[in-house]
Protein backbone atom coordinates (compact mmCIF):
# COMPACT_ATOMS: atom_id res chain seq x y z
CA ILE A 1 -5.26 -11.34 -24.97
CA SER A 2 -5.18 -13.88 -23.15
CA ILE A 3 -4.07 -12.18 -19.86
CA VAL A 4 -5.23 -14.15 -16.94
CA PRO A 5 -6.92 -11.80 -14.27
CA ALA A 6 -4.59 -11.44 -10.53
CA GLN A 7 -7.83 -13.30 -9.03
CA ALA A 8 -7.48 -16.44 -10.82
CA VAL A 9 -3.43 -16.42 -10.54
CA LEU A 10 -4.00 -15.75 -6.37
CA ALA A 11 -6.07 -19.19 -6.66
CA GLN A 12 -3.58 -20.74 -8.62
CA VAL A 13 -0.71 -20.20 -5.92
CA LYS A 14 -2.75 -21.01 -3.14
CA GLY A 15 -1.48 -24.00 -1.17
CA SER A 16 1.33 -23.61 -3.40
CA GLY A 17 4.85 -24.19 -3.12
CA PHE A 18 7.28 -21.01 -2.49
CA LEU A 19 8.61 -20.75 -5.95
CA THR A 20 5.03 -21.21 -7.07
CA ILE A 21 4.14 -18.48 -4.75
CA LEU A 22 6.86 -16.20 -6.49
CA ALA A 23 6.41 -17.11 -9.86
CA GLY A 24 2.61 -16.00 -8.97
CA THR A 25 3.50 -12.74 -7.58
CA MET A 26 6.08 -11.44 -10.71
CA GLU A 27 2.96 -12.59 -12.24
CA ILE A 28 0.13 -10.03 -10.33
CA MET A 29 2.31 -7.06 -9.52
CA PRO A 30 2.86 -6.24 -13.19
CA ARG A 31 -1.09 -6.10 -13.66
CA SER A 32 -2.55 -4.42 -10.39
CA TRP A 33 -2.93 -1.06 -10.06
CA ILE A 34 -0.74 -1.35 -6.43
CA GLY A 35 2.24 -3.48 -8.11
CA GLN A 36 2.24 -1.07 -11.05
CA HIS A 37 3.05 1.42 -8.51
CA CYS A 38 4.82 -0.86 -5.73
CA ALA A 39 7.17 -1.77 -9.23
CA TRP A 40 7.65 2.09 -10.46
CA GLY A 41 8.59 3.12 -6.55
CA LEU A 42 11.03 0.01 -6.30
CA PHE A 43 12.16 1.25 -9.13
CA GLY A 44 12.89 5.37 -8.69
CA ILE A 45 14.34 4.16 -4.94
CA ALA A 46 16.47 1.87 -5.71
CA VAL A 47 18.17 4.09 -8.65
CA PHE A 48 18.20 6.92 -6.51
CA GLY A 49 20.38 4.28 -4.02
CA LEU A 50 22.77 3.10 -6.90
CA LEU A 51 24.16 6.41 -7.98
CA THR A 52 24.41 7.65 -4.55
CA GLN A 53 26.71 4.35 -3.72
CA ILE A 54 28.34 4.66 -6.67
CA ILE A 55 29.69 8.55 -6.62
CA LEU A 56 30.47 7.53 -2.07
CA ARG A 57 32.62 5.42 -3.13
CA ALA A 58 33.92 7.30 -6.27
CA LEU A 59 34.86 10.29 -4.13
CA LYS A 60 36.24 7.64 -1.05
CA GLY A 61 37.97 6.24 -4.36
CA GLU A 62 37.19 2.54 -3.67
CA THR A 63 37.23 0.18 -6.70
CA GLY A 64 37.15 -3.03 -4.86
CA ILE A 65 40.26 -4.39 -5.90
CA ASP A 66 42.56 -6.44 -3.25
CA ALA A 67 45.90 -7.12 -4.20
CA ASP A 68 46.33 -9.69 -1.23
CA GLN A 69 43.86 -11.58 -2.56
CA ARG A 70 44.66 -15.24 -4.28
CA GLN A 71 46.49 -15.34 -7.50
CA GLY A 72 45.31 -17.72 -10.13
CA TYR A 73 45.49 -18.12 -14.54
CA TRP A 74 44.26 -14.30 -15.08
CA SER A 75 46.39 -12.76 -12.88
CA PRO A 76 46.96 -9.83 -11.91
CA VAL A 77 43.29 -7.74 -12.05
CA THR A 78 43.62 -5.18 -14.27
CA SER A 79 39.92 -4.21 -15.36
CA ASN A 80 38.82 -1.34 -12.54
CA ILE A 81 36.42 -3.25 -10.93
CA ASP A 82 36.17 -6.00 -8.66
CA TRP A 83 33.29 -7.38 -6.99
CA CYS A 84 32.83 -9.04 -3.66
CA GLU A 85 33.45 -13.20 -4.85
CA PRO A 86 36.35 -13.77 -3.50
CA ASN A 87 38.56 -14.48 -6.62
CA TYR A 88 40.01 -17.54 -8.60
CA LEU A 89 38.09 -19.46 -5.06
CA LEU A 90 36.82 -22.65 -6.31
CA SER A 91 38.10 -22.45 -10.02
CA HIS A 92 42.60 -21.80 -10.28
CA CYS A 93 41.26 -20.61 -14.41
CA VAL A 94 37.99 -18.60 -13.37
CA ALA A 95 38.18 -15.59 -11.34
CA GLU A 96 34.51 -15.06 -9.90
CA PHE A 97 32.89 -18.72 -10.45
CA TRP A 98 29.30 -17.96 -9.19
CA ASN A 99 29.61 -14.85 -11.47
CA SER A 100 30.41 -16.53 -13.84
CA ILE A 101 27.92 -18.81 -14.20
CA SER A 102 25.24 -16.80 -13.56
CA SER A 103 26.46 -14.61 -16.28
CA GLY A 104 24.93 -17.45 -18.51
CA LEU A 105 21.47 -16.43 -18.19
CA LEU A 106 21.88 -13.61 -21.19
CA ILE A 107 23.16 -15.47 -22.93
CA ILE A 108 20.26 -17.57 -22.70
CA ASN A 109 18.31 -14.58 -22.85
CA GLY A 110 20.25 -13.65 -26.43
CA LEU A 111 20.18 -17.35 -28.15
CA TYR A 112 15.79 -16.95 -26.85
CA MET A 113 15.72 -13.61 -28.78
CA LEU A 114 17.55 -14.98 -32.09
CA ARG A 115 15.44 -17.53 -32.59
CA LYS A 116 12.63 -15.26 -33.03
CA ALA A 117 13.53 -13.05 -34.65
CA LYS A 118 14.35 -15.56 -37.34
CA ARG A 119 11.42 -17.71 -36.46
CA HIS A 120 9.31 -13.99 -37.61
CA GLN A 121 11.63 -12.77 -39.94
CA MET A 122 11.85 -9.80 -37.21
CA SER A 123 13.57 -6.36 -39.44
CA TRP A 124 17.04 -5.95 -38.52
CA PRO A 125 16.75 -3.79 -35.68
CA CYS A 126 15.82 -6.64 -33.72
CA TRP A 127 18.59 -9.20 -35.43
CA LEU A 128 20.89 -6.24 -34.23
CA GLN A 129 19.40 -6.26 -30.39
CA SER A 130 19.11 -10.08 -30.11
CA PHE A 131 22.82 -9.90 -30.98
CA ASN A 132 23.74 -6.94 -28.81
CA LEU A 133 21.99 -8.99 -26.21
CA LEU A 134 24.29 -12.21 -26.54
CA SER A 135 27.47 -9.73 -26.86
CA VAL A 136 25.76 -8.84 -22.99
CA GLY A 137 26.16 -12.20 -21.99
CA VAL A 138 29.01 -13.32 -23.65
CA GLY A 139 30.80 -9.99 -22.07
CA SER A 140 29.85 -10.69 -18.69
CA VAL A 141 30.63 -14.44 -18.32
CA LEU A 142 34.45 -13.19 -19.50
CA PHE A 143 34.83 -10.22 -17.04
CA HIS A 144 34.07 -12.38 -14.09
CA ALA A 145 35.86 -15.04 -15.31
CA THR A 146 39.08 -12.86 -15.89
CA LEU A 147 38.69 -8.91 -14.30
CA THR A 148 40.81 -8.46 -16.92
CA GLN A 149 40.35 -4.90 -18.93
CA TRP A 150 39.81 -6.48 -21.94
CA GLY A 151 37.23 -8.78 -20.75
CA GLN A 152 35.29 -5.82 -19.27
CA TRP A 153 34.99 -4.02 -22.87
CA ILE A 154 33.68 -6.55 -23.97
CA ASP A 155 31.37 -6.61 -21.33
CA GLU A 156 30.52 -2.53 -21.35
CA LEU A 157 30.12 -1.02 -24.84
CA PRO A 158 27.62 -3.95 -25.83
CA MET A 159 25.32 -2.80 -23.00
CA PHE A 160 25.47 0.57 -24.63
CA GLY A 161 24.50 -0.41 -27.90
CA ALA A 162 21.30 -2.25 -26.30
CA THR A 163 19.66 0.84 -24.38
CA LEU A 164 20.81 3.17 -27.89
CA VAL A 165 18.96 0.46 -29.75
CA GLY A 166 16.07 0.03 -27.27
CA ALA A 167 15.70 3.45 -27.28
CA GLY A 168 15.63 4.15 -30.18
CA ALA A 169 13.13 1.24 -31.39
CA PHE A 170 10.24 2.73 -29.25
CA TYR A 171 11.11 6.51 -30.47
CA ALA A 172 10.94 4.94 -34.08
CA ALA A 173 7.89 2.98 -33.55
CA GLN A 174 5.89 6.21 -32.20
CA PRO A 175 3.45 7.64 -35.32
CA CYS A 176 4.83 10.85 -34.66
CA HIS A 177 8.18 10.30 -35.40
CA SER A 178 9.51 9.59 -39.19
CA SER A 179 12.32 7.03 -40.47
CA HIS A 180 14.22 10.98 -40.87
CA ASP A 181 13.83 11.87 -37.29
CA ALA A 182 14.46 8.39 -35.63
CA ARG A 183 17.72 7.96 -37.81
CA TRP A 184 18.80 11.73 -36.40
CA TYR A 185 17.85 10.75 -32.49
CA CYS A 186 19.90 6.67 -33.53
CA GLY A 187 22.70 9.35 -34.80
CA CYS A 188 22.62 11.34 -31.53
CA TRP A 189 22.88 8.19 -29.89
CA ILE A 190 26.36 6.85 -31.10
CA VAL A 191 27.86 10.48 -30.98
CA VAL A 192 27.02 10.71 -27.66
CA VAL A 193 28.20 6.97 -27.10
CA ALA A 194 31.64 7.74 -28.86
CA ILE A 195 32.32 10.16 -26.27
CA VAL A 196 31.44 8.56 -23.48
CA VAL A 197 33.79 5.02 -24.52
CA LEU A 198 36.64 8.35 -25.78
CA THR A 199 36.43 9.40 -21.83
CA LEU A 200 36.09 6.17 -20.61
CA VAL A 201 39.62 5.37 -22.17
CA LEU A 202 41.17 8.68 -21.28
CA LEU A 203 39.98 8.55 -17.23
CA PRO A 204 41.91 7.29 -15.17
CA ARG A 205 41.52 3.79 -13.45
CA GLY A 206 39.22 4.99 -10.39
CA LEU A 207 37.27 6.95 -12.31
CA GLY A 208 36.56 4.86 -15.14
CA ALA A 209 34.27 2.16 -13.11
CA PRO A 210 32.12 5.45 -11.06
CA THR A 211 32.08 6.86 -15.15
CA PHE A 212 31.05 4.51 -16.86
CA GLN A 213 28.07 3.30 -14.15
CA VAL A 214 26.83 7.04 -14.37
CA ALA A 215 26.52 7.07 -18.01
CA PHE A 216 25.53 3.87 -18.35
CA ILE A 217 22.78 4.43 -15.68
CA ALA A 218 21.39 7.70 -17.44
CA SER A 219 21.40 5.95 -21.42
CA ALA A 220 19.04 3.18 -19.29
CA MET A 221 16.84 5.80 -18.39
CA GLU A 222 16.50 7.37 -21.65
CA MET A 223 15.18 4.17 -22.67
CA ILE A 224 13.08 3.53 -19.74
CA ARG A 225 11.28 7.32 -20.77
CA ARG A 226 11.13 6.18 -24.48
CA GLY A 227 9.55 2.92 -23.44
CA ARG A 228 6.98 4.57 -21.48
CA GLN A 229 6.08 7.17 -24.08
CA TYR A 230 5.68 4.20 -26.92
CA CYS A 231 3.33 2.40 -24.01
CA HIS A 232 1.37 5.29 -23.87
CA VAL A 233 0.53 5.12 -27.69
CA CYS A 234 -0.22 1.32 -26.48
CA SER A 235 -2.88 2.28 -24.47
CA LYS A 236 -4.48 3.85 -26.87
CA ASP A 237 -5.46 0.78 -29.00
CA PRO A 238 -7.60 -2.04 -27.13
CA LYS A 239 -5.67 -4.69 -28.89
CA LEU A 240 -1.77 -3.52 -27.22
CA ALA A 241 -3.10 -2.42 -23.82
CA HIS A 242 -1.31 -4.96 -22.25
CA LEU A 243 1.70 -4.38 -23.53
CA PRO A 244 3.07 -1.54 -20.98
CA ALA A 245 2.68 -5.22 -18.31
CA LEU A 246 6.06 -5.60 -20.01
CA LEU A 247 7.82 -2.35 -18.64
CA GLN A 248 6.44 -2.77 -15.47
CA CYS A 249 8.20 -5.83 -15.13
CA THR A 250 11.63 -4.55 -16.78
CA ALA A 251 10.89 -1.72 -13.84
CA LEU A 252 10.70 -4.34 -11.71
CA GLY A 253 13.54 -5.96 -12.14
CA ALA A 254 15.98 -3.24 -12.44
CA GLY A 255 15.01 -2.69 -9.13
CA LEU A 256 15.95 -5.66 -8.04
CA GLY A 257 18.66 -5.58 -9.47
CA ALA A 258 19.29 -2.58 -8.39
CA LEU A 259 19.51 -3.32 -4.64
CA ALA A 260 21.01 -7.10 -5.39
CA TRP A 261 24.81 -4.22 -6.86
CA VAL A 262 24.55 -2.25 -3.76
CA ALA A 263 23.75 -4.95 -1.47
CA ASP A 264 26.97 -6.36 -3.25
CA PHE A 265 29.38 -3.96 -2.43
CA VAL A 266 27.54 -1.61 1.27
CA ALA A 267 26.80 -5.50 2.74
CA CYS A 268 28.66 -8.47 1.69
CA ASP A 269 31.65 -9.19 3.66
CA PRO A 270 34.69 -11.58 1.33
CA GLU A 271 35.85 -13.17 4.49
CA LEU A 272 32.52 -14.75 5.57
CA ILE A 273 31.48 -15.68 2.53
CA GLN A 274 33.89 -17.87 0.84
CA TYR A 275 32.20 -20.38 4.15
CA PRO A 276 30.23 -23.12 3.59
CA PRO A 277 27.91 -22.97 2.56
CA LEU A 278 27.90 -20.09 0.74
CA TRP A 279 31.17 -20.80 -0.92
CA GLY A 280 31.78 -17.31 -1.97
CA LEU A 281 27.47 -16.99 -3.08
CA SER A 282 27.75 -12.92 -3.78
CA PRO A 283 24.74 -11.00 -3.93
CA HIS A 284 26.02 -10.01 -7.72
CA VAL A 285 24.92 -12.76 -8.38
CA LEU A 286 20.89 -11.66 -8.01
CA TRP A 287 22.06 -8.86 -10.11
CA HIS A 288 22.09 -11.26 -12.56
CA PHE A 289 18.70 -12.77 -12.28
CA ALA A 290 17.19 -9.79 -12.11
CA VAL A 291 18.86 -7.89 -14.85
CA ALA A 292 18.30 -11.08 -17.63
CA TYR A 293 14.45 -10.55 -16.07
CA ALA A 294 14.19 -6.86 -17.10
CA THR A 295 16.60 -6.93 -20.37
CA HIS A 296 14.29 -9.78 -21.75
CA ALA A 297 11.10 -8.60 -21.00
CA VAL A 298 11.84 -4.73 -22.54
CA GLY A 299 13.74 -6.91 -25.13
CA GLU A 300 9.91 -8.63 -25.88
CA LEU A 301 8.78 -4.70 -25.77
CA GLY A 302 11.25 -3.87 -27.89
CA THR A 303 11.44 -6.13 -30.70
CA PHE A 304 7.54 -6.44 -30.60
CA ALA A 305 7.66 -2.39 -31.41
CA ILE A 306 10.09 -2.86 -34.08
CA ALA A 307 9.75 -6.38 -35.64
CA GLY A 308 7.48 -4.79 -38.40
CA ASP A 309 4.09 -5.45 -39.74
CA ALA A 310 4.50 -8.68 -40.94
CA ALA A 311 6.35 -10.67 -38.28
CA ARG A 312 3.98 -8.71 -35.55
CA HIS A 313 1.00 -10.47 -37.60
CA SER A 314 2.81 -13.94 -37.11
CA MET A 315 3.74 -14.61 -33.46
CA GLY A 316 0.40 -11.93 -32.31
CA SER A 317 0.38 -10.02 -29.38
CA ASP A 318 -0.43 -12.04 -26.57
CA LEU A 319 0.74 -12.10 -23.20
CA HIS A 320 1.96 -14.68 -21.69
CA PHE A 321 3.48 -16.18 -17.89
CA PHE A 322 5.49 -18.96 -17.26
CA LEU A 323 7.61 -18.77 -13.48
CA GLY A 324 6.40 -15.38 -13.38
CA VAL A 325 8.69 -14.37 -16.88
CA PRO A 326 6.68 -12.72 -19.09
CA PHE A 327 6.60 -14.08 -23.02
CA LEU A 328 4.74 -12.18 -25.57
CA GLY A 329 3.65 -13.73 -29.27
CA ASP A 330 2.62 -17.17 -29.29
CA THR A 331 4.99 -20.35 -27.48
CA VAL A 332 8.45 -21.88 -28.72
CA PRO A 333 6.95 -24.17 -31.46
CA SER A 334 8.87 -27.58 -32.99
CA GLY A 335 9.13 -29.38 -36.47
CA SER A 336 6.71 -29.33 -37.82
CA GLN A 337 4.71 -26.38 -36.29
CA TYR A 338 7.84 -23.83 -36.70
CA SER A 339 7.76 -24.30 -41.01
CA LYS A 340 4.02 -23.19 -40.38
CA THR A 341 5.01 -20.26 -38.10
CA LYS A 342 7.37 -19.58 -40.92
CA ALA A 343 5.08 -19.97 -43.62
CA ARG A 344 2.63 -18.25 -41.87
CA ALA A 345 5.28 -15.00 -41.48
CA SER A 346 6.42 -15.04 -45.24
CA GLU A 347 2.00 -15.21 -46.14
CA ALA A 348 1.59 -11.92 -43.68
CA LEU A 349 4.92 -10.10 -45.67
CA SER A 350 3.39 -11.13 -49.02
CA GLU A 351 -0.05 -9.37 -48.13
CA LEU A 352 1.14 -6.36 -46.67
CA ARG A 353 3.49 -6.14 -49.52
CA LYS A 354 0.75 -6.37 -52.58
CA ARG A 355 -1.73 -4.04 -49.03
CA PRO A 356 -1.20 -0.58 -51.68
CA ALA A 357 0.12 2.53 -48.65
CA ARG A 358 -2.73 4.67 -47.61
CA ARG A 359 -3.12 7.75 -45.32
CA SER A 360 -5.87 9.86 -44.62
CA ASN A 361 -4.99 14.05 -44.28
CA SER A 362 -7.08 14.05 -41.50
CA ALA A 363 -6.11 11.51 -39.49
CA ARG A 364 -2.47 12.60 -37.67
CA PRO A 365 -0.50 10.21 -35.49
CA PHE A 366 -0.54 10.37 -31.80
CA CYS A 367 2.92 11.36 -29.94
CA ALA A 368 3.25 10.27 -26.17
CA GLY A 369 6.21 12.70 -26.33
CA ARG A 370 4.29 15.68 -26.34
CA GLY A 371 0.77 15.27 -25.25
CA VAL A 372 -0.51 16.16 -28.75
CA HIS A 373 -1.28 14.86 -32.33
CA ALA A 374 2.40 15.51 -34.61
């Protein structure tokens, strides 16, 4: 397992530039005891602050929509929320230029996951999750570029899909849950999401945004809860004991993103940021960076959980960090290396199909959610 000790990372960043030090810090935190507790503490405080801010804004009826803002190609604003970045400041055709550009990070994340699913011939839920992440990025670009209701729906619906598949992946990966249990769990998830979407359609415009935000936070918390259970199972296996670091990276990114979300409404003034040197740059851009980091980390862990034995054998379980960003499995190959990786995955799949399925009656799988053997 290629995890560099924290002392080695500190030695590398000593005397380096700011970005190198920042990347080293992001690499050290998920591995150290103090860093893990700081990440989860930040996550809890940020989520509490975010929920408080959402409730207070809902009680005041604030949406951030200013009818007196400058008009553009997609005017008027038909979404039920607007952000701090001044609309149509840098382009007549793009409502929020910086928010739209930074949303491209989510698209890159989705393309990376699709590439990885193809390389290692992962199971179809991995393809679905990769497509969800890609759809979130495309939807976010369309939403911020247009601030229309249809753009907002394209942005928000895949977010529910991503948390649904993520929670289902962590649930199904636990040995105490059968495929029948996983189907029931995902079926209940689909019903709940359908009820929430129907509620959002029927609610008045002013209540739509806070209702979605609270519902999405609840779904993300359920995904994190199932992820913690899966990481508890991984901690029992010495070969996978390092995987919980990915969930700590997720908590760190989500916590920083939640703080950026709150700052966009509490500490940002559109009148002040529209002038140089910011030119409309708002804290919501930091939200996109943090969420891209968090979704990448949890996507790496979730797809590994349900990738299939052949795919896991093909890519391995080594954890690497590049500029503070975690990557699970081998590096991205090119040319002949890609063909070798694909051939290795096919060979592993053939071997597993030939292997007879055996399960000892005396060995009962550990169920992390119950703390007992199922």
